[in-house]
PDB file of N, CA and C in Angstrom:
ATOM      1  N   MET A   1      64.284 192.849 109.877  1.00  0.00           N
ATOM      2  CA  MET A   1      65.290 192.039 110.389  1.00  0.00           C
ATOM      3  C   MET A   1      65.010 191.776 111.623  1.00  0.00           C
ATOM      4  N   SER A   2      65.144 190.688 112.254  1.00  0.00           N
ATOM      5  CA  SER A   2      64.743 190.595 113.771  1.00  0.00           C
ATOM      6  C   SER A   2      66.228 190.782 114.560  1.00  0.00           C
ATOM      7  N   ALA A   3      65.805 190.808 115.843  1.00  0.00           N
ATOM      8  CA  ALA A   3      66.789 191.068 116.922  1.00  0.00           C
ATOM      9  C   ALA A   3      67.379 189.585 117.415  1.00  0.00           C
ATOM     10  N   CYS A   4      68.694 189.673 117.662  1.00  0.00           N
ATOM     11  CA  CYS A   4      69.292 188.395 118.289  1.00  0.00           C
ATOM     12  C   CYS A   4      68.274 187.874 119.599  1.00  0.00           C
ATOM     13  N   GLY A   5      68.164 186.676 119.600  1.00  0.00           N
ATOM     14  CA  GLY A   5      67.322 185.935 120.506  1.00  0.00           C
ATOM     15  C   GLY A   5      66.249 185.307 119.870  1.00  0.00           C
ATOM     16  N   GLY A   6      65.096 185.204 120.323  1.00  0.00           N
ATOM     17  CA  GLY A   6      63.904 184.661 119.959  1.00  0.00           C
ATOM     18  C   GLY A   6      63.283 184.769 118.463  1.00  0.00           C
ATOM     19  N   PHE A   7      62.516 184.016 117.931  1.00  0.00           N
ATOM     20  CA  PHE A   7      62.074 184.205 116.815  1.00  0.00           C
ATOM     21  C   PHE A   7      61.182 185.703 117.080  1.00  0.00           C
ATOM     22  N   ILE A   8      60.861 186.565 115.712  1.00  0.00           N
ATOM     23  CA  ILE A   8      59.990 187.319 115.831  1.00  0.00           C
ATOM     24  C   ILE A   8      58.638 186.930 115.640  1.00  0.00           C
ATOM     25  N   PRO A   9      57.445 187.898 115.950  1.00  0.00           N
ATOM     26  CA  PRO A   9      55.966 187.171 115.535  1.00  0.00           C
ATOM     27  C   PRO A   9      55.788 186.895 114.071  1.00  0.00           C
ATOM     28  N   GLU A  10      54.761 186.085 113.853  1.00  0.00           N
ATOM     29  CA  GLU A  10      54.528 185.665 112.464  1.00  0.00           C
ATOM     30  C   GLU A  10      54.055 186.789 111.714  1.00  0.00           C
ATOM     31  N   LYS A  11      54.634 187.304 110.687  1.00  0.00           N
ATOM     32  CA  LYS A  11      53.820 188.326 109.617  1.00  0.00           C
ATOM     33  C   LYS A  11      53.875 187.858 108.041  1.00  0.00           C
ATOM     34  N   PRO A  12      53.331 188.390 107.448  1.00  0.00           N
ATOM     35  CA  PRO A  12      53.046 188.147 105.719  1.00  0.00           C
ATOM     36  C   PRO A  12      54.557 188.051 105.266  1.00  0.00           C
ATOM     37  N   VAL A  13      54.610 187.080 104.325  1.00  0.00           N
ATOM     38  CA  VAL A  13      55.908 187.079 103.658  1.00  0.00           C
ATOM     39  C   VAL A  13      56.151 188.169 102.811  1.00  0.00           C
ATOM     40  N   THR A  14      57.584 188.629 102.532  1.00  0.00           N
ATOM     41  CA  THR A  14      57.905 189.609 101.555  1.00  0.00           C
ATOM     42  C   THR A  14      58.527 188.868 100.341  1.00  0.00           C
ATOM     43  N   PRO A  15      58.804 189.771  99.167  1.00  0.00           N
ATOM     44  CA  PRO A  15      59.280 189.189  98.306  1.00  0.00           C
ATOM     45  C   PRO A  15      60.487 188.271  98.695  1.00  0.00           C
ATOM     46  N   GLU A  16      61.595 188.720  99.535  1.00  0.00           N
ATOM     47  CA  GLU A  16      62.690 188.100 100.162  1.00  0.00           C
ATOM     48  C   GLU A  16      62.309 186.674 100.459  1.00  0.00           C
ATOM     49  N   GLU A  17      61.315 186.561 101.362  1.00  0.00           N
ATOM     50  CA  GLU A  17      60.785 185.189 101.742  1.00  0.00           C
ATOM     51  C   GLU A  17      60.242 184.303 100.577  1.00  0.00           C
ATOM     52  N   VAL A  18      59.768 184.683  99.648  1.00  0.00           N
ATOM     53  CA  VAL A  18      59.212 184.200  98.617  1.00  0.00           C
ATOM     54  C   VAL A  18      60.059 183.406  97.670  1.00  0.00           C
ATOM     55  N   LYS A  19      61.116 184.245  97.328  1.00  0.00           N
ATOM     56  CA  LYS A  19      62.301 184.131  96.681  1.00  0.00           C
ATOM     57  C   LYS A  19      63.308 182.847  97.339  1.00  0.00           C
ATOM     58  N   ILE A  20      63.361 182.844  98.463  1.00  0.00           N
ATOM     59  CA  ILE A  20      64.065 181.883  99.120  1.00  0.00           C
ATOM     60  C   ILE A  20      63.060 180.475  99.108  1.00  0.00           C
ATOM     61  N   CYS A  21      61.660 180.594  99.188  1.00  0.00           N
ATOM     62  CA  CYS A  21      61.123 179.291  99.093  1.00  0.00           C
ATOM     63  C   CYS A  21      60.860 178.705  97.997  1.00  0.00           C
ATOM     64  N   ARG A  22      60.829 179.747  97.062  1.00  0.00           N
ATOM     65  CA  ARG A  22      61.061 179.215  95.446  1.00  0.00           C
ATOM     66  C   ARG A  22      62.328 178.270  95.229  1.00  0.00           C
ATOM     67  N   GLU A  23      63.298 178.877  95.791  1.00  0.00           N
ATOM     68  CA  GLU A  23      64.497 178.329  95.285  1.00  0.00           C
ATOM     69  C   GLU A  23      64.685 177.075  96.130  1.00  0.00           C
ATOM     70  N   MET A  24      64.108 176.840  97.459  1.00  0.00           N
ATOM     71  CA  MET A  24      64.437 175.600  98.113  1.00  0.00           C
ATOM     72  C   MET A  24      63.130 174.589  97.874  1.00  0.00           C
ATOM     73  N   LYS A  25      62.216 174.926  97.011  1.00  0.00           N
ATOM     74  CA  LYS A  25      61.152 174.063  96.740  1.00  0.00           C
ATOM     75  C   LYS A  25      61.635 172.627  96.545  1.00  0.00           C
ATOM     76  N   PRO A  26      62.372 172.389  95.788  1.00  0.00           N
ATOM     77  CA  PRO A  26      62.828 171.021  95.672  1.00  0.00           C
ATOM     78  C   PRO A  26      63.346 170.248  96.968  1.00  0.00           C
ATOM     79  N   PHE A  27      64.030 170.978  97.694  1.00  0.00           N
ATOM     80  CA  PHE A  27      64.568 170.330  99.037  1.00  0.00           C
ATOM     81  C   PHE A  27      63.544 170.136  99.872  1.00  0.00           C
ATOM     82  N   ILE A  28      62.483 171.156 100.153  1.00  0.00           N
ATOM     83  CA  ILE A  28      61.273 171.105 100.821  1.00  0.00           C
ATOM     84  C   ILE A  28      60.400 169.790 100.507  1.00  0.00           C
ATOM     85  N   GLU A  29      60.361 169.740  99.247  1.00  0.00           N
ATOM     86  CA  GLU A  29      59.246 168.658  98.757  1.00  0.00           C
ATOM     87  C   GLU A  29      59.984 167.089  98.892  1.00  0.00           C
ATOM     88  N   ALA A  30      61.417 166.980  98.847  1.00  0.00           N
ATOM     89  CA  ALA A  30      61.897 166.039  99.141  1.00  0.00           C
ATOM     90  C   ALA A  30      62.010 165.648 100.230  1.00  0.00           C
ATOM     91  N   LYS A  31      61.791 166.729 101.674  1.00  0.00           N
ATOM     92  CA  LYS A  31      62.062 166.018 103.031  1.00  0.00           C
ATOM     93  C   LYS A  31      60.439 165.846 103.244  1.00  0.00           C
ATOM     94  N   ALA A  32      59.571 166.217 102.623  1.00  0.00           N
ATOM     95  CA  ALA A  32      58.119 166.388 103.126  1.00  0.00           C
ATOM     96  C   ALA A  32      57.584 164.994 101.956  1.00  0.00           C
ATOM     97  N   GLY A  33      58.383 164.381 101.244  1.00  0.00           N
ATOM     98  CA  GLY A  33      58.014 163.267 100.682  1.00  0.00           C
ATOM     99  C   GLY A  33      56.828 163.562  99.648  1.00  0.00           C
ATOM    100  N   ALA A  34      56.742 164.763  99.174  1.00  0.00           N
ATOM    101  CA  ALA A  34      55.734 165.198  98.238  1.00  0.00           C
ATOM    102  C   ALA A  34      55.816 165.885  97.306  1.00  0.00           C
ATOM    103  N   ASN A  35      55.023 166.106  96.015  1.00  0.00           N
ATOM    104  CA  ASN A  35      55.220 167.038  95.024  1.00  0.00           C
ATOM    105  C   ASN A  35      54.138 168.040  94.955  1.00  0.00           C
ATOM    106  N   PHE A  36      54.411 169.280  95.390  1.00  0.00           N
ATOM    107  CA  PHE A  36      53.489 170.418  95.640  1.00  0.00           C
ATOM    108  C   PHE A  36      53.081 171.056  94.311  1.00  0.00           C
ATOM    109  N   ARG A  37      51.690 170.818  93.883  1.00  0.00           N
ATOM    110  CA  ARG A  37      51.191 171.633  92.553  1.00  0.00           C
ATOM    111  C   ARG A  37      50.972 173.232  92.891  1.00  0.00           C
ATOM    112  N   ALA A  38      50.218 173.278  94.186  1.00  0.00           N
ATOM    113  CA  ALA A  38      50.187 174.805  94.752  1.00  0.00           C
ATOM    114  C   ALA A  38      51.352 174.907  95.624  1.00  0.00           C
ATOM    115  N   TYR A  39      52.046 175.917  95.550  1.00  0.00           N
ATOM    116  CA  TYR A  39      53.070 176.285  96.470  1.00  0.00           C
ATOM    117  C   TYR A  39      52.953 177.677  96.698  1.00  0.00           C
ATOM    118  N   ILE A  40      52.568 178.323  97.821  1.00  0.00           N
ATOM    119  CA  ILE A  40      52.456 179.619  98.013  1.00  0.00           C
ATOM    120  C   ILE A  40      52.934 179.766  99.517  1.00  0.00           C
ATOM    121  N   PRO A  41      53.951 180.623  99.509  1.00  0.00           N
ATOM    122  CA  PRO A  41      54.449 181.131 100.597  1.00  0.00           C
ATOM    123  C   PRO A  41      53.610 182.045 101.370  1.00  0.00           C
ATOM    124  N   LEU A  42      53.278 182.083 102.818  1.00  0.00           N
ATOM    125  CA  LEU A  42      51.915 182.727 103.277  1.00  0.00           C
ATOM    126  C   LEU A  42      52.643 183.638 104.341  1.00  0.00           C
ATOM    127  N   SER A  43      53.500 183.003 105.250  1.00  0.00           N
ATOM    128  CA  SER A  43      53.607 184.027 106.466  1.00  0.00           C
ATOM    129  C   SER A  43      55.009 183.380 106.833  1.00  0.00           C
ATOM    130  N   PHE A  44      55.790 183.977 107.806  1.00  0.00           N
ATOM    131  CA  PHE A  44      57.075 183.641 108.106  1.00  0.00           C
ATOM    132  C   PHE A  44      57.447 184.372 109.459  1.00  0.00           C
ATOM    133  N   ARG A  45      58.407 183.749 110.357  1.00  0.00           N
ATOM    134  CA  ARG A  45      59.294 184.399 111.405  1.00  0.00           C
ATOM    135  C   ARG A  45      60.522 184.072 111.320  1.00  0.00           C
ATOM    136  N   THR A  46      61.399 185.126 111.714  1.00  0.00           N
ATOM    137  CA  THR A  46      62.651 184.694 111.693  1.00  0.00           C
ATOM    138  C   THR A  46      63.537 184.738 113.195  1.00  0.00           C
ATOM    139  N   GLN A  47      64.817 184.339 113.041  1.00  0.00           N
ATOM    140  CA  GLN A  47      65.560 184.464 114.294  1.00  0.00           C
ATOM    141  C   GLN A  47      67.024 184.448 113.852  1.00  0.00           C
ATOM    142  N   VAL A  48      67.467 185.353 114.465  1.00  0.00           N
ATOM    143  CA  VAL A  48      69.204 185.943 114.081  1.00  0.00           C
ATOM    144  C   VAL A  48      69.973 185.030 114.924  1.00  0.00           C
ATOM    145  N   VAL A  49      70.881 184.232 114.397  1.00  0.00           N
ATOM    146  CA  VAL A  49      71.759 183.231 115.050  1.00  0.00           C
ATOM    147  C   VAL A  49      73.135 183.740 114.560  1.00  0.00           C
ATOM    148  N   ALA A  50      73.746 182.548 114.379  1.00  0.00           N
ATOM    149  CA  ALA A  50      74.979 182.839 113.367  1.00  0.00           C
ATOM    150  C   ALA A  50      74.336 182.537 111.926  1.00  0.00           C
ATOM    151  N   GLY A  51      73.558 183.513 111.577  1.00  0.00           N
ATOM    152  CA  GLY A  51      72.730 183.369 110.171  1.00  0.00           C
ATOM    153  C   GLY A  51      71.586 183.878 110.546  1.00  0.00           C
ATOM    154  N   VAL A  52      70.628 183.352 109.687  1.00  0.00           N
ATOM    155  CA  VAL A  52      69.306 183.508 109.948  1.00  0.00           C
ATOM    156  C   VAL A  52      68.405 182.175 109.585  1.00  0.00           C
ATOM    157  N   LYS A  53      67.509 182.097 110.609  1.00  0.00           N
ATOM    158  CA  LYS A  53      66.561 181.114 110.541  1.00  0.00           C
ATOM    159  C   LYS A  53      65.345 181.583 110.270  1.00  0.00           C
ATOM    160  N   TYR A  54      64.956 180.857 109.171  1.00  0.00           N
ATOM    161  CA  TYR A  54      63.316 181.375 108.662  1.00  0.00           C
ATOM    162  C   TYR A  54      62.674 180.187 108.995  1.00  0.00           C
ATOM    163  N   LEU A  55      61.314 180.421 109.620  1.00  0.00           N
ATOM    164  CA  LEU A  55      60.230 179.393 109.544  1.00  0.00           C
ATOM    165  C   LEU A  55      59.053 180.122 108.943  1.00  0.00           C
ATOM    166  N   VAL A  56      58.818 179.314 107.752  1.00  0.00           N
ATOM    167  CA  VAL A  56      57.855 179.685 106.749  1.00  0.00           C
ATOM    168  C   VAL A  56      56.523 178.699 106.796  1.00  0.00           C
ATOM    169  N   LYS A  57      55.390 179.316 106.677  1.00  0.00           N
ATOM    170  CA  LYS A  57      53.920 178.776 106.304  1.00  0.00           C
ATOM    171  C   LYS A  57      53.980 178.689 104.531  1.00  0.00           C
ATOM    172  N   VAL A  58      53.806 177.644 104.066  1.00  0.00           N
ATOM    173  CA  VAL A  58      53.643 177.541 102.679  1.00  0.00           C
ATOM    174  C   VAL A  58      52.269 176.638 102.483  1.00  0.00           C
ATOM    175  N   TYR A  59      51.411 177.460 101.614  1.00  0.00           N
ATOM    176  CA  TYR A  59      50.075 176.857 101.332  1.00  0.00           C
ATOM    177  C   TYR A  59      50.524 175.837 100.179  1.00  0.00           C
ATOM    178  N   VAL A  60      50.008 174.726 100.463  1.00  0.00           N
ATOM    179  CA  VAL A  60      50.207 173.387  99.448  1.00  0.00           C
ATOM    180  C   VAL A  60      48.819 172.911  98.919  1.00  0.00           C
ATOM    181  N   GLY A  61      47.657 173.407  99.284  1.00  0.00           N
ATOM    182  CA  GLY A  61      46.387 173.119  98.612  1.00  0.00           C
ATOM    183  C   GLY A  61      45.444 172.823  99.586  1.00  0.00           C
ATOM    184  N   VAL A  62      44.026 172.973  99.457  1.00  0.00           N
ATOM    185  CA  VAL A  62      42.975 172.529 100.172  1.00  0.00           C
ATOM    186  C   VAL A  62      43.303 172.645 101.637  1.00  0.00           C
ATOM    187  N   ASP A  63      43.271 173.724 102.214  1.00  0.00           N
ATOM    188  CA  ASP A  63      43.536 173.896 103.801  1.00  0.00           C
ATOM    189  C   ASP A  63      44.779 172.988 104.202  1.00  0.00           C
ATOM    190  N   LYS A  64      45.940 172.811 103.406  1.00  0.00           N
ATOM    191  CA  LYS A  64      47.042 172.196 103.939  1.00  0.00           C
ATOM    192  C   LYS A  64      48.045 173.202 103.557  1.00  0.00           C
ATOM    193  N   CYS A  65      49.177 173.156 104.338  1.00  0.00           N
ATOM    194  CA  CYS A  65      50.453 173.875 104.428  1.00  0.00           C
ATOM    195  C   CYS A  65      51.537 172.901 105.065  1.00  0.00           C
ATOM    196  N   VAL A  66      52.626 173.368 104.536  1.00  0.00           N
ATOM    197  CA  VAL A  66      54.098 172.991 105.213  1.00  0.00           C
ATOM    198  C   VAL A  66      54.571 174.011 105.883  1.00  0.00           C
ATOM    199  N   HIS A  67      55.102 173.555 107.055  1.00  0.00           N
ATOM    200  CA  HIS A  67      55.992 174.584 107.587  1.00  0.00           C
ATOM    201  C   HIS A  67      57.329 174.088 107.614  1.00  0.00           C
ATOM    202  N   VAL A  68      58.158 174.981 107.213  1.00  0.00           N
ATOM    203  CA  VAL A  68      59.611 174.945 106.832  1.00  0.00           C
ATOM    204  C   VAL A  68      60.643 175.609 107.606  1.00  0.00           C
ATOM    205  N   MET A  69      61.548 175.052 108.084  1.00  0.00           N
ATOM    206  CA  MET A  69      62.914 175.669 108.798  1.00  0.00           C
ATOM    207  C   MET A  69      63.577 175.797 107.641  1.00  0.00           C
ATOM    208  N   ILE A  70      64.399 177.242 107.635  1.00  0.00           N
ATOM    209  CA  ILE A  70      65.472 177.118 106.498  1.00  0.00           C
ATOM    210  C   ILE A  70      66.471 178.099 107.103  1.00  0.00           C
ATOM    211  N   PHE A  71      67.566 177.445 107.131  1.00  0.00           N
ATOM    212  CA  PHE A  71      68.906 178.191 107.725  1.00  0.00           C
ATOM    213  C   PHE A  71      69.567 179.211 106.536  1.00  0.00           C
ATOM    214  N   GLN A  72      70.101 180.328 106.792  1.00  0.00           N
ATOM    215  CA  GLN A  72      70.580 180.990 105.625  1.00  0.00           C
ATOM    216  C   GLN A  72      72.066 181.313 106.462  1.00  0.00           C
ATOM    217  N   ALA A  73      72.998 181.166 106.113  1.00  0.00           N
ATOM    218  CA  ALA A  73      74.418 181.415 106.658  1.00  0.00           C
ATOM    219  C   ALA A  73      74.691 182.756 106.395  1.00  0.00           C
ATOM    220  N   LEU A  74      75.441 183.347 107.403  1.00  0.00           N
ATOM    221  CA  LEU A  74      76.082 184.616 106.943  1.00  0.00           C
ATOM    222  C   LEU A  74      76.505 184.969 105.884  1.00  0.00           C
ATOM    223  N   PRO A  75      76.422 185.974 105.407  1.00  0.00           N
ATOM    224  CA  PRO A  75      77.189 186.369 103.830  1.00  0.00           C
ATOM    225  C   PRO A  75      78.676 186.281 103.888  1.00  0.00           C
ATOM    226  N   CYS A  76      79.320 186.487 105.135  1.00  0.00           N
ATOM    227  CA  CYS A  76      80.988 186.021 105.291  1.00  0.00           C
ATOM    228  C   CYS A  76      81.196 184.860 105.145  1.00  0.00           C
ATOM    229  N   ASN A  77      80.072 183.837 105.236  1.00  0.00           N
ATOM    230  CA  ASN A  77      80.253 182.484 105.380  1.00  0.00           C
ATOM    231  C   ASN A  77      79.606 181.696 103.935  1.00  0.00           C
ATOM    232  N   GLY A  78      79.319 182.567 102.972  1.00  0.00           N
ATOM    233  CA  GLY A  78      78.815 181.804 101.697  1.00  0.00           C
ATOM    234  C   GLY A  78      77.183 182.490 101.519  1.00  0.00           C
ATOM    235  N   GLY A  79      76.613 182.601 102.575  1.00  0.00           N
ATOM    236  CA  GLY A  79      75.188 182.943 102.501  1.00  0.00           C
ATOM    237  C   GLY A  79      74.330 181.517 102.261  1.00  0.00           C
ATOM    238  N   LYS A  80      75.153 180.348 102.247  1.00  0.00           N
ATOM    239  CA  LYS A  80      74.217 179.261 101.596  1.00  0.00           C
ATOM    240  C   LYS A  80      72.829 179.179 102.556  1.00  0.00           C
ATOM    241  N   LEU A  81      71.651 178.693 101.805  1.00  0.00           N
ATOM    242  CA  LEU A  81      70.422 178.209 102.292  1.00  0.00           C
ATOM    243  C   LEU A  81      70.254 176.997 102.339  1.00  0.00           C
ATOM    244  N   THR A  82      69.762 176.371 103.815  1.00  0.00           N
ATOM    245  CA  THR A  82      69.799 174.856 104.012  1.00  0.00           C
ATOM    246  C   THR A  82      68.515 174.698 104.459  1.00  0.00           C
ATOM    247  N   VAL A  83      67.676 173.734 104.071  1.00  0.00           N
ATOM    248  CA  VAL A  83      66.404 173.242 104.671  1.00  0.00           C
ATOM    249  C   VAL A  83      66.680 172.429 105.692  1.00  0.00           C
ATOM    250  N   THR A  84      66.345 172.845 107.095  1.00  0.00           N
ATOM    251  CA  THR A  84      66.727 171.998 108.258  1.00  0.00           C
ATOM    252  C   THR A  84      65.726 171.049 108.712  1.00  0.00           C
ATOM    253  N   GLY A  85      64.338 171.613 108.216  1.00  0.00           N
ATOM    254  CA  GLY A  85      63.228 170.811 108.922  1.00  0.00           C
ATOM    255  C   GLY A  85      62.093 170.902 108.222  1.00  0.00           C
ATOM    256  N   VAL A  86      61.001 170.017 108.025  1.00  0.00           N
ATOM    257  CA  VAL A  86      59.707 170.384 107.549  1.00  0.00           C
ATOM    258  C   VAL A  86      58.696 169.537 108.340  1.00  0.00           C
ATOM    259  N   GLN A  87      57.801 169.968 108.639  1.00  0.00           N
ATOM    260  CA  GLN A  87      56.394 169.502 108.974  1.00  0.00           C
ATOM    261  C   GLN A  87      55.459 169.632 108.394  1.00  0.00           C
ATOM    262  N   HIS A  88      54.606 168.424 107.716  1.00  0.00           N
ATOM    263  CA  HIS A  88      53.577 168.423 106.770  1.00  0.00           C
ATOM    264  C   HIS A  88      52.936 167.021 107.134  1.00  0.00           C
ATOM    265  N   PRO A  89      51.528 167.122 107.060  1.00  0.00           N
ATOM    266  CA  PRO A  89      50.783 168.301 106.636  1.00  0.00           C
ATOM    267  C   PRO A  89      50.503 169.083 108.020  1.00  0.00           C
ATOM    268  N   LYS A  90      50.121 170.220 107.762  1.00  0.00           N
ATOM    269  CA  LYS A  90      49.679 171.158 108.813  1.00  0.00           C
ATOM    270  C   LYS A  90      48.470 171.859 108.206  1.00  0.00           C
ATOM    271  N   THR A  91      47.695 172.539 108.850  1.00  0.00           N
ATOM    272  CA  THR A  91      46.431 173.178 108.263  1.00  0.00           C
ATOM    273  C   THR A  91      46.846 174.766 108.154  1.00  0.00           C
ATOM    274  N   ALA A  92      46.074 175.486 107.249  1.00  0.00           N
ATOM    275  CA  ALA A  92      46.173 176.915 107.284  1.00  0.00           C
ATOM    276  C   ALA A  92      46.301 177.807 108.337  1.00  0.00           C
ATOM    277  N   SER A  93      45.363 177.207 109.351  1.00  0.00           N
ATOM    278  CA  SER A  93      45.021 177.903 110.806  1.00  0.00           C
ATOM    279  C   SER A  93      46.129 177.627 111.815  1.00  0.00           C
ATOM    280  N   GLU A  94      47.041 176.653 111.595  1.00  0.00           N
ATOM    281  CA  GLU A  94      48.081 176.212 112.615  1.00  0.00           C
ATOM    282  C   GLU A  94      49.132 177.605 112.679  1.00  0.00           C
ATOM    283  N   PRO A  95      49.430 178.050 114.012  1.00  0.00           N
ATOM    284  CA  PRO A  95      50.333 179.077 113.984  1.00  0.00           C
ATOM    285  C   PRO A  95      51.975 178.420 113.882  1.00  0.00           C
ATOM    286  N   LEU A  96      52.759 179.197 113.418  1.00  0.00           N
ATOM    287  CA  LEU A  96      54.076 178.755 113.476  1.00  0.00           C
ATOM    288  C   LEU A  96      54.852 178.727 114.503  1.00  0.00           C
ATOM    289  N   ILE A  97      55.249 177.625 114.951  1.00  0.00           N
ATOM    290  CA  ILE A  97      56.054 177.208 116.154  1.00  0.00           C
ATOM    291  C   ILE A  97      57.137 176.605 115.898  1.00  0.00           C
ATOM    292  N   PRO A  98      58.379 177.284 116.191  1.00  0.00           N
ATOM    293  CA  PRO A  98      59.699 176.548 116.376  1.00  0.00           C
ATOM    294  C   PRO A  98      59.788 175.025 116.403  1.00  0.00           C
ATOM    295  N   PHE A  99      60.515 174.398 115.865  1.00  0.00           N
ATOM    296  CA  PHE A  99      60.767 173.153 115.788  1.00  0.00           C
ATOM    297  C   PHE A  99      62.311 172.794 115.272  1.00  0.00           C
ATOM    298  N   ASP A 100      62.959 171.751 115.754  1.00  0.00           N
ATOM    299  CA  ASP A 100      64.127 171.366 115.641  1.00  0.00           C
ATOM    300  C   ASP A 100      64.723 170.251 114.549  1.00  0.00           C
ATOM    301  N   HIS A 101      63.397 169.699 113.822  1.00  0.00           N
ATOM    302  CA  HIS A 101      63.849 168.685 112.909  1.00  0.00           C
ATOM    303  C   HIS A 101      63.288 169.146 111.600  1.00  0.00           C
TER     304      HIS A 101
END
């Protein structure tokens, strides 16, 4: 869990982030305008706001990744997940840098 304020440093995904990414895959593909055969969450950063912002790097094939912003509302507000932004294509070596779209 991250502290209030900025994003935590990038680290490998846990089963929680993998589950979130799998659940949000159709929405991520729609925003990216692509269907991903390969789809392997690699690393993530989080920021605690009025919920949690997840910034996740997902491998989608041959040194290509997608960077995804997912917002999870607080449990008291339903805990709903929303894809708020997608950057594609990215390379596997590009760092996760927060973005607003």
